[in-house]
C-alpha atoms as a PDB file:
ATOM      1  CA  MET A   1      91.032  89.768 106.262  1.00  0.00           C
ATOM      2  CA  SER A   2      93.835  88.562 103.982  1.00  0.00           C
ATOM      3  CA  SER A   3      96.303  91.057 102.559  1.00  0.00           C
ATOM      4  CA  SER A   4      95.076  90.484  98.979  1.00  0.00           C
ATOM      5  CA  ARG A   5      91.478  91.200 100.029  1.00  0.00           C
ATOM      6  CA  THR A   6      92.637  94.229 102.009  1.00  0.00           C
ATOM      7  CA  GLY A   7      94.565  95.502  98.982  1.00  0.00           C
ATOM      8  CA  ALA A   8      91.542  94.994  96.719  1.00  0.00           C
ATOM      9  CA  ALA A   9      89.328  96.880  99.181  1.00  0.00           C
ATOM     10  CA  ILE A  10      91.809  99.770  99.310  1.00  0.00           C
ATOM     11  CA  GLU A  11      91.896  99.977  95.503  1.00  0.00           C
ATOM     12  CA  ARG A  12      88.071  99.850  95.316  1.00  0.00           C
ATOM     13  CA  ARG A  13      87.928 102.759  97.745  1.00  0.00           C
ATOM     14  CA  ALA A  14      90.328 104.794  95.582  1.00  0.00           C
ATOM     15  CA  THR A  15      88.344 103.886  92.453  1.00  0.00           C
ATOM     16  CA  ARG A  16      85.121 105.026  94.086  1.00  0.00           C
ATOM     17  CA  HIS A  17      86.758 108.290  95.138  1.00  0.00           C
ATOM     18  CA  TYR A  18      87.670 109.103  91.535  1.00  0.00           C
ATOM     19  CA  ARG A  19      84.296 108.023  90.137  1.00  0.00           C
ATOM     20  CA  LEU A  20      82.452 110.272  92.575  1.00  0.00           C
ATOM     21  CA  ARG A  21      84.545 113.180  91.307  1.00  0.00           C
ATOM     22  CA  GLY A  22      83.625 112.613  87.667  1.00  0.00           C
ATOM     23  CA  TYR A  23      86.584 110.558  86.520  1.00  0.00           C
ATOM     24  CA  ARG A  24      86.164 107.649  84.146  1.00  0.00           C
ATOM     25  CA  ILE A  25      88.106 104.533  85.074  1.00  0.00           C
ATOM     26  CA  LEU A  26      90.254 103.506  82.099  1.00  0.00           C
ATOM     27  CA  ALA A  27      92.102 100.596  83.707  1.00  0.00           C
ATOM     28  CA  ARG A  28      92.843  98.877  87.005  1.00  0.00           C
ATOM     29  CA  ASN A  29      95.818  96.677  87.817  1.00  0.00           C
ATOM     30  CA  VAL A  30      97.252  96.548  84.293  1.00  0.00           C
ATOM     31  CA  TRP A  31     100.805  95.629  83.416  1.00  0.00           C
ATOM     32  CA  ALA A  32     102.830  97.794  81.050  1.00  0.00           C
ATOM     33  CA  GLY A  33     106.566  98.163  80.599  1.00  0.00           C
ATOM     34  CA  GLY A  34     107.163  95.364  83.087  1.00  0.00           C
ATOM     35  CA  TYR A  35     105.376  97.133  85.945  1.00  0.00           C
ATOM     36  CA  GLU A  36     101.849  97.271  87.310  1.00  0.00           C
ATOM     37  CA  LEU A  37      99.677 100.367  87.103  1.00  0.00           C
ATOM     38  CA  ASP A  38      97.182 100.400  89.971  1.00  0.00           C
ATOM     39  CA  LEU A  39      94.659 102.818  88.518  1.00  0.00           C
ATOM     40  CA  ILE A  40      94.343 104.901  85.350  1.00  0.00           C
ATOM     41  CA  VAL A  41      91.565 107.495  85.296  1.00  0.00           C
ATOM     42  CA  ARG A  42      90.433 110.225  82.948  1.00  0.00           C
ATOM     43  CA  ARG A  43      88.378 113.372  83.266  1.00  0.00           C
ATOM     44  CA  GLY A  44      88.087 115.665  80.282  1.00  0.00           C
ATOM     45  CA  GLY A  45      91.477 116.264  78.721  1.00  0.00           C
ATOM     46  CA  ARG A  46      93.444 114.808  81.627  1.00  0.00           C
ATOM     47  CA  VAL A  47      94.607 111.257  82.247  1.00  0.00           C
ATOM     48  CA  VAL A  48      95.947 110.378  85.691  1.00  0.00           C
ATOM     49  CA  PHE A  49      98.159 107.424  86.574  1.00  0.00           C
ATOM     50  CA  CYS A  50      97.643 106.558  90.234  1.00  0.00           C
ATOM     51  CA  GLU A  51      99.793 104.600  92.629  1.00  0.00           C
ATOM     52  CA  VAL A  52      97.425 103.409  95.355  1.00  0.00           C
ATOM     53  CA  LYS A  53      98.827 102.680  98.808  1.00  0.00           C
ATOM     54  CA  GLY A  54      96.911 101.933 101.944  1.00  0.00           C
ATOM     55  CA  LYS A  55      97.262 100.937 105.554  1.00  0.00           C
ATOM     56  CA  THR A  56      94.662  99.507 107.866  1.00  0.00           C
ATOM     57  CA  GLY A  57      96.506 100.739 110.946  1.00  0.00           C
ATOM     58  CA  THR A  58      99.380 102.940 112.057  1.00  0.00           C
ATOM     59  CA  ALA A  59     101.836 100.220 113.095  1.00  0.00           C
ATOM     60  CA  TRP A  60     103.972 100.352 109.928  1.00  0.00           C
ATOM     61  CA  GLY A  61     104.003 104.053 109.110  1.00  0.00           C
ATOM     62  CA  ASP A  62     102.177 106.129 106.542  1.00  0.00           C
ATOM     63  CA  PRO A  63     101.179 104.767 103.103  1.00  0.00           C
ATOM     64  CA  LEU A  64     102.950 107.624 101.312  1.00  0.00           C
ATOM     65  CA  GLU A  65     106.270 106.479 102.788  1.00  0.00           C
ATOM     66  CA  MET A  66     106.066 103.492 100.434  1.00  0.00           C
ATOM     67  CA  VAL A  67     106.107 105.736  97.344  1.00  0.00           C
ATOM     68  CA  ASN A  68     109.812 106.301  96.939  1.00  0.00           C
ATOM     69  CA  GLU A  69     111.911 107.519  94.008  1.00  0.00           C
ATOM     70  CA  GLU A  70     112.152 104.009  92.521  1.00  0.00           C
ATOM     71  CA  LYS A  71     108.360 103.539  92.696  1.00  0.00           C
ATOM     72  CA  VAL A  72     107.843 106.856  90.879  1.00  0.00           C
ATOM     73  CA  ARG A  73     110.381 105.846  88.202  1.00  0.00           C
ATOM     74  CA  ARG A  74     108.516 102.574  87.638  1.00  0.00           C
ATOM     75  CA  LEU A  75     105.176 104.393  87.485  1.00  0.00           C
ATOM     76  CA  HIS A  76     106.518 106.718  84.767  1.00  0.00           C
ATOM     77  CA  ARG A  77     107.993 103.822  82.808  1.00  0.00           C
ATOM     78  CA  ALA A  78     104.757 101.827  82.950  1.00  0.00           C
ATOM     79  CA  ALA A  79     102.688 104.896  82.027  1.00  0.00           C
ATOM     80  CA  THR A  80     104.888 105.572  79.001  1.00  0.00           C
ATOM     81  CA  ALA A  81     104.449 101.977  77.813  1.00  0.00           C
ATOM     82  CA  TRP A  82     100.680 102.160  78.380  1.00  0.00           C
ATOM     83  CA  LEU A  83     100.413 105.426  76.438  1.00  0.00           C
ATOM     84  CA  VAL A  84     102.246 103.850  73.477  1.00  0.00           C
ATOM     85  CA  ARG A  85      99.527 101.155  73.396  1.00  0.00           C
ATOM     86  CA  ASN A  86      96.773 103.764  73.863  1.00  0.00           C
ATOM     87  CA  PRO A  87      97.752 106.643  71.559  1.00  0.00           C
ATOM     88  CA  VAL A  88      94.397 108.436  71.960  1.00  0.00           C
ATOM     89  CA  CYS A  89      95.340 109.175  75.569  1.00  0.00           C
ATOM     90  CA  ALA A  90      98.901 110.195  74.671  1.00  0.00           C
ATOM     91  CA  GLU A  91      97.547 113.544  73.443  1.00  0.00           C
ATOM     92  CA  LEU A  92      95.982 114.332  76.831  1.00  0.00           C
ATOM     93  CA  ASP A  93      97.449 116.171  79.809  1.00  0.00           C
ATOM     94  CA  VAL A  94      99.210 113.383  81.743  1.00  0.00           C
ATOM     95  CA  ARG A  95      99.434 113.524  85.539  1.00  0.00           C
ATOM     96  CA  PHE A  96     100.768 111.212  88.219  1.00  0.00           C
ATOM     97  CA  GLU A  97      99.328 110.855  91.711  1.00  0.00           C
ATOM     98  CA  ALA A  98      99.866 108.784  94.803  1.00  0.00           C
ATOM     99  CA  VAL A  99      96.656 107.905  96.608  1.00  0.00           C
ATOM    100  CA  ALA A 100      97.038 107.223 100.317  1.00  0.00           C
ATOM    101  CA  VAL A 101      94.107 105.335 101.792  1.00  0.00           C
ATOM    102  CA  ARG A 102      94.043 105.467 105.568  1.00  0.00           C
ATOM    103  CA  PRO A 103      91.447 104.467 108.166  1.00  0.00           C
ATOM    104  CA  GLY A 104      90.485 108.152 108.551  1.00  0.00           C
ATOM    105  CA  GLY A 105      90.272 109.078 104.873  1.00  0.00           C
ATOM    106  CA  LEU A 106      91.925 109.308 101.500  1.00  0.00           C
ATOM    107  CA  GLU A 107      94.599 111.724 100.288  1.00  0.00           C
ATOM    108  CA  ARG A 108      95.710 112.390  96.699  1.00  0.00           C
ATOM    109  CA  VAL A 109      99.251 113.695  96.268  1.00  0.00           C
ATOM    110  CA  PRO A 110     100.706 114.831  92.935  1.00  0.00           C
ATOM    111  CA  LEU A 111     103.978 113.125  92.018  1.00  0.00           C
END
């Protein structure tokens, strides 16, 4: 499987996880502020910006190791730009999460 297809499958798995928990998908793979937002979801009065990372094996470490300080800074910058373009969501409780998709399951970690 190519890396782009693997990445798409990992993001579909994260999307499904949120949908099954009552979240509405607002956007996937959108660019804002010069950076890409993997997944933006909403449930009630909360909007969550998600950085999705996945690994198909254990050879290169854990997916959460790829979410460093710079990645979080870019996520915040992109989210701010997206919220400016979507002012209805700017009034909501804004959260940030990293989603680690592994062969054994999925883990959501607040950022």
